[in-house]
């Protein structure tokens, strides 16, 4: 009887401590990093277009700029895919946190009930 109570209390403390930390900080940092990368890509696109046009003849500059644009579009598509994946991870983490909260509440109730029965 007492061993179940100790196990229930230990489980409750472990779960509540695990989920008391804010998991969104890391995800928010990753989102900010991805947004900064997209902004950098936009800046590079504008800079390289003007630089390439002045330093090469028209046809070579056009091909060079088009190649850079294609490369940047692929990078933006990759970033968009990563953002989608990140959003899925955030959604899953939210569901997992909700489930853990429910489990912790159930463990707390079980521990309280066991304590009441032990008295």
C-alpha atoms as a PDB file:
ATOM      1  CA  UNK A   1       0.000   0.000   0.000  1.00  0.00           C
ATOM      2  CA  UNK A   2       2.724   2.450   0.986  1.00  0.00           C
ATOM      3  CA  UNK A   3       4.858   1.440  -1.983  1.00  0.00           C
ATOM      4  CA  UNK A   4       2.009   2.347  -4.346  1.00  0.00           C
ATOM      5  CA  UNK A   5       1.661   5.689  -2.625  1.00  0.00           C
ATOM      6  CA  UNK A   6       5.377   6.385  -2.926  1.00  0.00           C
ATOM      7  CA  UNK A   7       5.358   5.350  -6.593  1.00  0.00           C
ATOM      8  CA  UNK A   8       2.308   7.509  -7.329  1.00  0.00           C
ATOM      9  CA  UNK A   9       3.847  10.544  -5.625  1.00  0.00           C
ATOM     10  CA  UNK A  10       7.188  10.020  -7.381  1.00  0.00           C
ATOM     11  CA  UNK A  11       5.421   9.669 -10.730  1.00  0.00           C
ATOM     12  CA  UNK A  12       3.406  12.810 -10.107  1.00  0.00           C
ATOM     13  CA  UNK A  13       6.485  14.818  -9.138  1.00  0.00           C
ATOM     14  CA  UNK A  14       8.428  13.557 -12.144  1.00  0.00           C
ATOM     15  CA  UNK A  15       5.665  14.335 -14.631  1.00  0.00           C
ATOM     16  CA  UNK A  16       4.830  17.711 -13.146  1.00  0.00           C
ATOM     17  CA  UNK A  17       8.504  18.728 -13.126  1.00  0.00           C
ATOM     18  CA  UNK A  18       9.008  17.515 -16.700  1.00  0.00           C
ATOM     19  CA  UNK A  19       6.147  19.535 -18.065  1.00  0.00           C
ATOM     20  CA  UNK A  20       6.588  22.578 -15.866  1.00  0.00           C
ATOM     21  CA  UNK A  21       9.359  23.759 -18.187  1.00  0.00           C
ATOM     22  CA  UNK A  22       8.228  25.826 -21.174  1.00  0.00           C
ATOM     23  CA  UNK A  23       8.981  23.762 -24.328  1.00  0.00           C
ATOM     24  CA  UNK A  24       7.957  26.656 -26.592  1.00  0.00           C
ATOM     25  CA  UNK A  25      11.128  28.684 -25.966  1.00  0.00           C
ATOM     26  CA  UNK A  26      13.224  26.423 -28.155  1.00  0.00           C
ATOM     27  CA  UNK A  27      10.562  26.276 -30.863  1.00  0.00           C
ATOM     28  CA  UNK A  28      10.123  30.047 -30.810  1.00  0.00           C
ATOM     29  CA  UNK A  29      13.871  30.462 -31.209  1.00  0.00           C
ATOM     30  CA  UNK A  30      13.819  28.121 -34.185  1.00  0.00           C
ATOM     31  CA  UNK A  31      10.938  30.028 -35.759  1.00  0.00           C
ATOM     32  CA  UNK A  32      12.775  33.338 -35.266  1.00  0.00           C
ATOM     33  CA  UNK A  33      15.868  31.799 -36.837  1.00  0.00           C
ATOM     34  CA  UNK A  34      13.913  30.611 -39.869  1.00  0.00           C
ATOM     35  CA  UNK A  35      12.252  34.011 -40.258  1.00  0.00           C
ATOM     36  CA  UNK A  36      15.662  35.684 -40.111  1.00  0.00           C
ATOM     37  CA  UNK A  37      16.948  33.289 -42.790  1.00  0.00           C
ATOM     38  CA  UNK A  38      14.030  34.175 -45.074  1.00  0.00           C
ATOM     39  CA  UNK A  39      14.685  37.891 -44.521  1.00  0.00           C
ATOM     40  CA  UNK A  40      18.368  37.346 -45.322  1.00  0.00           C
ATOM     41  CA  UNK A  41      17.436  35.534 -48.521  1.00  0.00           C
ATOM     42  CA  UNK A  42      15.204  38.415 -49.563  1.00  0.00           C
ATOM     43  CA  UNK A  43      18.009  40.891 -48.903  1.00  0.00           C
ATOM     44  CA  UNK A  44      20.541  38.807 -50.828  1.00  0.00           C
ATOM     45  CA  UNK A  45      18.192  38.485 -53.781  1.00  0.00           C
ATOM     46  CA  UNK A  46      17.798  42.244 -54.047  1.00  0.00           C
ATOM     47  CA  UNK A  47      21.542  42.868 -53.587  1.00  0.00           C
ATOM     48  CA  UNK A  48      22.750  40.237 -56.046  1.00  0.00           C
ATOM     49  CA  UNK A  49      20.324  41.310 -58.728  1.00  0.00           C
ATOM     50  CA  UNK A  50      21.689  44.850 -58.771  1.00  0.00           C
ATOM     51  CA  UNK A  51      25.317  43.734 -58.400  1.00  0.00           C
ATOM     52  CA  UNK A  52      25.137  41.137 -61.172  1.00  0.00           C
ATOM     53  CA  UNK A  53      23.423  43.462 -63.612  1.00  0.00           C
ATOM     54  CA  UNK A  54      26.160  46.105 -63.400  1.00  0.00           C
ATOM     55  CA  UNK A  55      29.201  43.837 -63.540  1.00  0.00           C
ATOM     56  CA  UNK A  56      28.348  41.497 -66.447  1.00  0.00           C
ATOM     57  CA  UNK A  57      26.955  41.953 -69.913  1.00  0.00           C
ATOM     58  CA  UNK A  58      23.172  41.772 -70.206  1.00  0.00           C
ATOM     59  CA  UNK A  59      22.716  38.119 -71.269  1.00  0.00           C
ATOM     60  CA  UNK A  60      25.248  36.698 -68.797  1.00  0.00           C
ATOM     61  CA  UNK A  61      23.900  38.888 -66.002  1.00  0.00           C
ATOM     62  CA  UNK A  62      20.363  37.723 -66.786  1.00  0.00           C
ATOM     63  CA  UNK A  63      21.397  34.052 -66.675  1.00  0.00           C
ATOM     64  CA  UNK A  64      23.406  34.569 -63.509  1.00  0.00           C
ATOM     65  CA  UNK A  65      20.541  36.369 -61.810  1.00  0.00           C
ATOM     66  CA  UNK A  66      18.036  33.736 -62.983  1.00  0.00           C
ATOM     67  CA  UNK A  67      20.247  30.970 -61.590  1.00  0.00           C
ATOM     68  CA  UNK A  68      20.479  32.800 -58.259  1.00  0.00           C
ATOM     69  CA  UNK A  69      16.735  33.381 -58.213  1.00  0.00           C
ATOM     70  CA  UNK A  70      16.085  29.689 -58.882  1.00  0.00           C
ATOM     71  CA  UNK A  71      18.504  28.733 -56.115  1.00  0.00           C
ATOM     72  CA  UNK A  72      16.879  31.144 -53.673  1.00  0.00           C
ATOM     73  CA  UNK A  73      13.400  29.920 -54.601  1.00  0.00           C
ATOM     74  CA  UNK A  74      14.512  26.367 -53.803  1.00  0.00           C
ATOM     75  CA  UNK A  75      15.907  27.553 -50.485  1.00  0.00           C
ATOM     76  CA  UNK A  76      12.663  29.360 -49.664  1.00  0.00           C
ATOM     77  CA  UNK A  77      10.683  26.216 -50.568  1.00  0.00           C
ATOM     78  CA  UNK A  78      12.936  24.199 -48.263  1.00  0.00           C
ATOM     79  CA  UNK A  79      12.390  26.747 -45.499  1.00  0.00           C
ATOM     80  CA  UNK A  80       8.632  26.578 -46.071  1.00  0.00           C
ATOM     81  CA  UNK A  81       8.768  22.786 -45.745  1.00  0.00           C
ATOM     82  CA  UNK A  82      10.814  23.121 -42.571  1.00  0.00           C
ATOM     83  CA  UNK A  83       8.288  25.617 -41.188  1.00  0.00           C
ATOM     84  CA  UNK A  84       5.464  23.173 -41.950  1.00  0.00           C
ATOM     85  CA  UNK A  85       7.368  20.389 -40.217  1.00  0.00           C
ATOM     86  CA  UNK A  86       8.070  22.675 -37.287  1.00  0.00           C
ATOM     87  CA  UNK A  87       4.383  23.594 -37.031  1.00  0.00           C
ATOM     88  CA  UNK A  88       3.497  19.902 -36.949  1.00  0.00           C
ATOM     89  CA  UNK A  89       6.040  19.380 -34.184  1.00  0.00           C
ATOM     90  CA  UNK A  90       4.557  22.291 -32.234  1.00  0.00           C
ATOM     91  CA  UNK A  91       1.062  20.851 -32.638  1.00  0.00           C
ATOM     92  CA  UNK A  92       2.260  17.408 -31.532  1.00  0.00           C
ATOM     93  CA  UNK A  93       4.100  18.899 -28.550  1.00  0.00           C
ATOM     94  CA  UNK A  94       0.910  20.703 -27.549  1.00  0.00           C
ATOM     95  CA  UNK A  95      -1.067  17.480 -27.739  1.00  0.00           C
ATOM     96  CA  UNK A  96       1.629  15.626 -25.781  1.00  0.00           C
ATOM     97  CA  UNK A  97       1.671  18.342 -23.127  1.00  0.00           C
ATOM     98  CA  UNK A  98      -2.108  18.195 -22.776  1.00  0.00           C
ATOM     99  CA  UNK A  99      -1.941  14.438 -22.433  1.00  0.00           C
ATOM    100  CA  UNK A 100       0.823  14.683 -19.851  1.00  0.00           C
ATOM    101  CA  UNK A 101      -1.162  17.237 -17.878  1.00  0.00           C
ATOM    102  CA  UNK A 102      -4.151  14.900 -17.835  1.00  0.00           C
ATOM    103  CA  UNK A 103      -1.900  12.027 -16.721  1.00  0.00           C
ATOM    104  CA  UNK A 104      -0.321  14.187 -14.011  1.00  0.00           C
ATOM    105  CA  UNK A 105      -3.743  15.233 -12.754  1.00  0.00           C
ATOM    106  CA  UNK A 106      -4.834  11.597 -12.673  1.00  0.00           C
ATOM    107  CA  UNK A 107      -1.652  10.660 -10.789  1.00  0.00           C
ATOM    108  CA  UNK A 108      -2.264  13.516  -8.347  1.00  0.00           C
ATOM    109  CA  UNK A 109      -5.824  12.297  -7.757  1.00  0.00           C
ATOM    110  CA  UNK A 110      -4.576   8.731  -7.302  1.00  0.00           C
ATOM    111  CA  UNK A 111      -1.916   9.899  -4.856  1.00  0.00           C
ATOM    112  CA  UNK A 112      -4.466  11.965  -2.927  1.00  0.00           C
ATOM    113  CA  UNK A 113      -6.881   9.019  -2.834  1.00  0.00           C
ATOM    114  CA  UNK A 114      -4.112   6.692  -1.672  1.00  0.00           C
ATOM    115  CA  UNK A 115      -3.126   9.166   1.014  1.00  0.00           C
ATOM    116  CA  UNK A 116      -6.736   9.436   2.185  1.00  0.00           C
ATOM    117  CA  UNK A 117      -7.025   5.646   2.315  1.00  0.00           C
ATOM    118  CA  UNK A 118      -3.755   5.384   4.240  1.00  0.00           C
ATOM    119  CA  UNK A 119      -5.085   7.663   6.983  1.00  0.00           C
END
